């Protein structure tokens, strides 16, 4: 059977615009030679590289990838909005593109007139638009405003009307590019119901989205693009899993690079006392290391003092924390974990001379500095005896049930009275990922129970 969409070795090259090479007119560009052929490699940007795939008739096909991966460029090539630099795109049947909604609307005329103009532009006859007019207006929820000039519409009204016109063209092939944010939650559900109706009627849908749940739920197949290159296609769950793993690898690299920068900066600025935030009381100065406790988990007074310290490192280094790593269930050091993972924080340290007064502490913070949890060996009544030479300390957290977000760690070695040997303030960052979009900080273990006449259609796997 002939496919609904056939993308064959499609490449798309754009010219990078710079002041040193701008054509004043099309004539001057043509006189100077080809628009792309004579450009140097650093003067072009390849949005797509030899992308190929087929969408069978009746298939819902998802395209996923990060920003800049070429998803929207691909959709525009399929829609005919732009032409591939190389390769070919074949589409069998009437096509409707939910890409730039309302792109053909004229702001000075009414919504009613724009529906007719836009519908005709999308391939309908005037009679067909007339027959579907009431349904379009009702779907867009625009009954009270349809005769007002489009320029008086809010952005949401504008997008809803554009969506309604495009969806009621009744195409054989529907192209969708991140348009589910065109209204409130009720309108979003209406859009999803319309997609489901298209699937039941065996229409072909090409969907570009960042919503991985939507791809897993609606799509029969998925295609992963990365920097314009096809990374794979097939089962949506497998493609989403591969894409998520790639995103996590990128985040690991980014977090590791940022952490290395912070550690290098802190190593150049090590003092015996902590750096202090600007909101400290005027004239208080920098405290003496022996003046008061510094670990923000010793007591309430110390907490107030410790939270005034800015990111950095300080201490005498009589005990020195030489290496820190964070690992998940697989035991591999990393920076990105799943909510509920078992997490270990491992510290390697050195004491050049025997020391008998020592405490190890850890504080867990949100990215904006809210303390989630803090403890130390003194609070947990470990009685120190001696530390000497190279040693290690591991802090294990079983099932770290945090919501998705970025978190930071305080780590410290100090005396029982707070005298700092080596204090690492907010230098270590990790990220928690979760498919559940709950709010707050902590995800307690929980379950739901329902009785009586309460029923649900189902539940997405998380």
Foldseek 3Di string as FASTA:
>chain_A
DDFQKWWFQFKAKAFADDPVDDDPDPVSCVVVPDPPPPDDPVGMAILAGGDTDTHHFLFEEEEEEDPSLNPLVVLCCQVVVDPTPDTDMDGDWQEFELRPFLPVADQAFFQLVRLQVVLVVSPDDSVLSVVCVVVLCVLLVCVPGRRPGNNPDDQLSRRSSSVSSRLSNPILEYEEEPSLVSDDPVSSVVVVVSLVVCSVVRGYYYYYDNPLLCCLVRGQKYWYTGNNYTPDMGHSVVVVVVNVVVVQVVVFVVQVVQLVVQVVVQVVPEEQFFAFAPPPDPPPDTDDLPPFAQFLPQDDVNVVVNLRGDAHKYRQQLKAFDDKFKDWPVRDTTFEEAQFTKMKIKTKIAHADKDQFKKKKKWKAAPVRHTPDIDIVVNVPDHGGIDHGIDMDMDIDGRRHWAWHKMFMWIFMAGPRRNGNMTGGRSHMHTYDYPDPDDDTGDDDDDDDDDDPDDDPDDDDD
